Amino acid sequence: MSLNGFYQVSFGAALPGAGGVVVLKDGEITGGDDQYLYSGTYSANGNRLTTQITVAAYVAGAKSVFGNSADKFVLRLDGEYHQDGFSLVGSSPFGGQGIGAIGKKLNTLDLNG
């Protein structure tokens, strides 16, 4: 099963209700939300998914889902994927409460056509 595509992502950590959009394509992740851009890599083995994502603010005073102001940080998230999306968890890079991320695969969009 190909993971390539667009995903609506909901994040849960110290601040609930955060969300964004990510694109998974051939082992790379890109995306963002209203304060941060995401860029990283993923690998899949069976139905297991492992990611490493750099998160960088593009607005001054951006507040992360962990409840702090952070210009840049790295997330390592692991979990499972299925036909409709994925469910991942990871530790906070700042200590304290970890993070959960649920991705819902969106309809395919051909950016070349």
C-alpha atoms as a PDB file:
ATOM      1  CA  MET A   1       0.000   0.000   0.000  1.00  0.00           C
ATOM      2  CA  SER A   2       1.373   3.397  -0.969  1.00  0.00           C
ATOM      3  CA  LEU A   3       1.459   6.040   1.734  1.00  0.00           C
ATOM      4  CA  ASN A   4       1.962   8.824  -0.804  1.00  0.00           C
ATOM      5  CA  GLY A   5      -0.691  11.520  -0.516  1.00  0.00           C
ATOM      6  CA  PHE A   6      -2.167  14.428   1.396  1.00  0.00           C
ATOM      7  CA  TYR A   7      -3.244  13.976   5.034  1.00  0.00           C
ATOM      8  CA  GLN A   8      -5.252  16.116   7.413  1.00  0.00           C
ATOM      9  CA  VAL A   9      -3.463  15.838  10.770  1.00  0.00           C
ATOM     10  CA  SER A  10      -4.781  16.461  14.287  1.00  0.00           C
ATOM     11  CA  PHE A  11      -2.230  16.895  17.072  1.00  0.00           C
ATOM     12  CA  GLY A  12      -2.786  16.415  20.775  1.00  0.00           C
ATOM     13  CA  ALA A  13      -0.325  17.495  23.466  1.00  0.00           C
ATOM     14  CA  ALA A  14      -0.406  20.227  26.142  1.00  0.00           C
ATOM     15  CA  LEU A  15      -2.657  22.264  23.820  1.00  0.00           C
ATOM     16  CA  PRO A  16      -5.478  20.215  22.287  1.00  0.00           C
ATOM     17  CA  GLY A  17      -7.062  20.917  18.929  1.00  0.00           C
ATOM     18  CA  ALA A  18      -4.018  21.736  16.821  1.00  0.00           C
ATOM     19  CA  GLY A  19      -4.002  20.580  13.228  1.00  0.00           C
ATOM     20  CA  GLY A  20      -2.399  20.912   9.852  1.00  0.00           C
ATOM     21  CA  VAL A  21      -1.826  19.253   6.494  1.00  0.00           C
ATOM     22  CA  VAL A  22       1.082  17.016   5.512  1.00  0.00           C
ATOM     23  CA  VAL A  23       2.169  15.401   2.275  1.00  0.00           C
ATOM     24  CA  LEU A  24       3.871  12.010   2.365  1.00  0.00           C
ATOM     25  CA  LYS A  25       5.799  11.226  -0.790  1.00  0.00           C
ATOM     26  CA  ASP A  26       8.445   8.547  -1.300  1.00  0.00           C
ATOM     27  CA  GLY A  27       9.851   8.705   2.244  1.00  0.00           C
ATOM     28  CA  GLU A  28       9.595  12.486   2.691  1.00  0.00           C
ATOM     29  CA  ILE A  29       7.134  14.532   4.760  1.00  0.00           C
ATOM     30  CA  THR A  30       6.291  18.186   4.146  1.00  0.00           C
ATOM     31  CA  GLY A  31       3.466  20.296   5.482  1.00  0.00           C
ATOM     32  CA  GLY A  32       2.423  22.974   7.882  1.00  0.00           C
ATOM     33  CA  ASP A  33      -0.213  24.791   9.861  1.00  0.00           C
ATOM     34  CA  ASP A  34      -0.987  28.428  10.710  1.00  0.00           C
ATOM     35  CA  GLN A  35       2.336  28.921  12.589  1.00  0.00           C
ATOM     36  CA  TYR A  36       4.776  26.154  11.656  1.00  0.00           C
ATOM     37  CA  LEU A  37       6.232  24.365   8.631  1.00  0.00           C
ATOM     38  CA  TYR A  38       7.123  20.659   8.794  1.00  0.00           C
ATOM     39  CA  SER A  39       9.815  18.802   6.886  1.00  0.00           C
ATOM     40  CA  GLY A  40      11.214  15.346   7.489  1.00  0.00           C
ATOM     41  CA  THR A  41      11.347  11.686   6.614  1.00  0.00           C
ATOM     42  CA  TYR A  42       9.336   8.549   7.238  1.00  0.00           C
ATOM     43  CA  SER A  43       9.852   4.824   6.875  1.00  0.00           C
ATOM     44  CA  ALA A  44       7.299   2.031   6.828  1.00  0.00           C
ATOM     45  CA  ASN A  45       7.724  -1.606   7.761  1.00  0.00           C
ATOM     46  CA  GLY A  46       4.595  -3.736   7.631  1.00  0.00           C
ATOM     47  CA  ASN A  47       1.937  -1.474   9.133  1.00  0.00           C
ATOM     48  CA  ARG A  48       4.466   0.342  11.369  1.00  0.00           C
ATOM     49  CA  LEU A  49       5.384   3.952  10.577  1.00  0.00           C
ATOM     50  CA  THR A  50       8.415   5.824  11.949  1.00  0.00           C
ATOM     51  CA  THR A  51       9.007   9.537  11.357  1.00  0.00           C
ATOM     52  CA  GLN A  52      11.510  12.270  12.102  1.00  0.00           C
ATOM     53  CA  ILE A  53      10.160  15.768  11.481  1.00  0.00           C
ATOM     54  CA  THR A  54      11.783  19.178  11.862  1.00  0.00           C
ATOM     55  CA  VAL A  55       9.202  21.786  12.859  1.00  0.00           C
ATOM     56  CA  ALA A  56      10.086  25.451  12.218  1.00  0.00           C
ATOM     57  CA  ALA A  57       8.078  28.591  13.014  1.00  0.00           C
ATOM     58  CA  TYR A  58       7.375  31.048  10.215  1.00  0.00           C
ATOM     59  CA  VAL A  59       5.536  33.617  12.373  1.00  0.00           C
ATOM     60  CA  ALA A  60       6.991  35.600  15.266  1.00  0.00           C
ATOM     61  CA  GLY A  61       5.914  34.342  18.693  1.00  0.00           C
ATOM     62  CA  ALA A  62       4.577  31.019  17.391  1.00  0.00           C
ATOM     63  CA  LYS A  63       3.213  28.823  20.185  1.00  0.00           C
ATOM     64  CA  SER A  64       3.780  25.089  19.812  1.00  0.00           C
ATOM     65  CA  VAL A  65       1.303  22.344  20.645  1.00  0.00           C
ATOM     66  CA  PHE A  66       3.459  21.780  23.746  1.00  0.00           C
ATOM     67  CA  GLY A  67       2.390  25.201  25.078  1.00  0.00           C
ATOM     68  CA  ASN A  68       5.714  26.980  24.673  1.00  0.00           C
ATOM     69  CA  SER A  69       7.167  29.414  22.178  1.00  0.00           C
ATOM     70  CA  ALA A  70       9.662  27.535  20.043  1.00  0.00           C
ATOM     71  CA  ASP A  71      11.323  28.594  16.809  1.00  0.00           C
ATOM     72  CA  LYS A  72      12.501  25.120  15.792  1.00  0.00           C
ATOM     73  CA  PHE A  73      12.387  21.573  17.172  1.00  0.00           C
ATOM     74  CA  VAL A  74      12.500  17.943  16.055  1.00  0.00           C
ATOM     75  CA  LEU A  75       9.778  15.342  16.592  1.00  0.00           C
ATOM     76  CA  ARG A  76      10.252  11.586  16.433  1.00  0.00           C
ATOM     77  CA  LEU A  77       6.871   9.881  16.078  1.00  0.00           C
ATOM     78  CA  ASP A  78       6.093   6.179  15.772  1.00  0.00           C
ATOM     79  CA  GLY A  79       2.905   4.232  15.261  1.00  0.00           C
ATOM     80  CA  GLU A  80       0.742   2.459  12.730  1.00  0.00           C
ATOM     81  CA  TYR A  81      -0.779   3.253   9.375  1.00  0.00           C
ATOM     82  CA  HIS A  82      -3.770   1.839   7.559  1.00  0.00           C
ATOM     83  CA  GLN A  83      -5.639   2.477   4.331  1.00  0.00           C
ATOM     84  CA  ASP A  84      -7.344   5.635   5.650  1.00  0.00           C
ATOM     85  CA  GLY A  85      -4.457   7.233   7.551  1.00  0.00           C
ATOM     86  CA  PHE A  86      -2.150   6.838  10.536  1.00  0.00           C
ATOM     87  CA  SER A  87      -1.889   7.129  14.308  1.00  0.00           C
ATOM     88  CA  LEU A  88       1.439   8.191  15.847  1.00  0.00           C
ATOM     89  CA  VAL A  89       2.843   9.040  19.290  1.00  0.00           C
ATOM     90  CA  GLY A  90       6.085  10.535  20.530  1.00  0.00           C
ATOM     91  CA  SER A  91       7.851  12.294  23.373  1.00  0.00           C
ATOM     92  CA  SER A  92       7.985  16.040  23.796  1.00  0.00           C
ATOM     93  CA  PRO A  93      11.362  17.502  22.836  1.00  0.00           C
ATOM     94  CA  PHE A  94      10.873  19.842  25.826  1.00  0.00           C
ATOM     95  CA  GLY A  95      10.017  17.204  28.452  1.00  0.00           C
ATOM     96  CA  GLY A  96       6.583  16.787  29.970  1.00  0.00           C
ATOM     97  CA  GLN A  97       3.505  15.540  28.150  1.00  0.00           C
ATOM     98  CA  GLY A  98       4.112  13.726  24.867  1.00  0.00           C
ATOM     99  CA  ILE A  99       2.296  14.168  21.583  1.00  0.00           C
ATOM    100  CA  GLY A 100      -0.195  12.163  19.556  1.00  0.00           C
ATOM    101  CA  ALA A 101      -0.917  12.685  15.868  1.00  0.00           C
ATOM    102  CA  ILE A 102      -3.781  11.246  13.843  1.00  0.00           C
ATOM    103  CA  GLY A 103      -3.674  11.567  10.067  1.00  0.00           C
ATOM    104  CA  LYS A 104      -6.649  11.125   7.760  1.00  0.00           C
ATOM    105  CA  LYS A 105      -5.806  10.514   4.110  1.00  0.00           C
ATOM    106  CA  LEU A 106      -7.444  13.025   1.776  1.00  0.00           C
ATOM    107  CA  ASN A 107      -8.552  12.536  -1.804  1.00  0.00           C
ATOM    108  CA  THR A 108      -5.760  12.340  -4.333  1.00  0.00           C
ATOM    109  CA  LEU A 109      -4.816  15.587  -6.068  1.00  0.00           C
ATOM    110  CA  ASP A 110      -2.726  15.424  -9.209  1.00  0.00           C
ATOM    111  CA  LEU A 111      -0.357  18.397  -8.975  1.00  0.00           C
ATOM    112  CA  ASN A 112       1.101  17.612 -12.400  1.00  0.00           C
ATOM    113  CA  GLY A 113      -2.137  17.857 -14.354  1.00  0.00           C
END
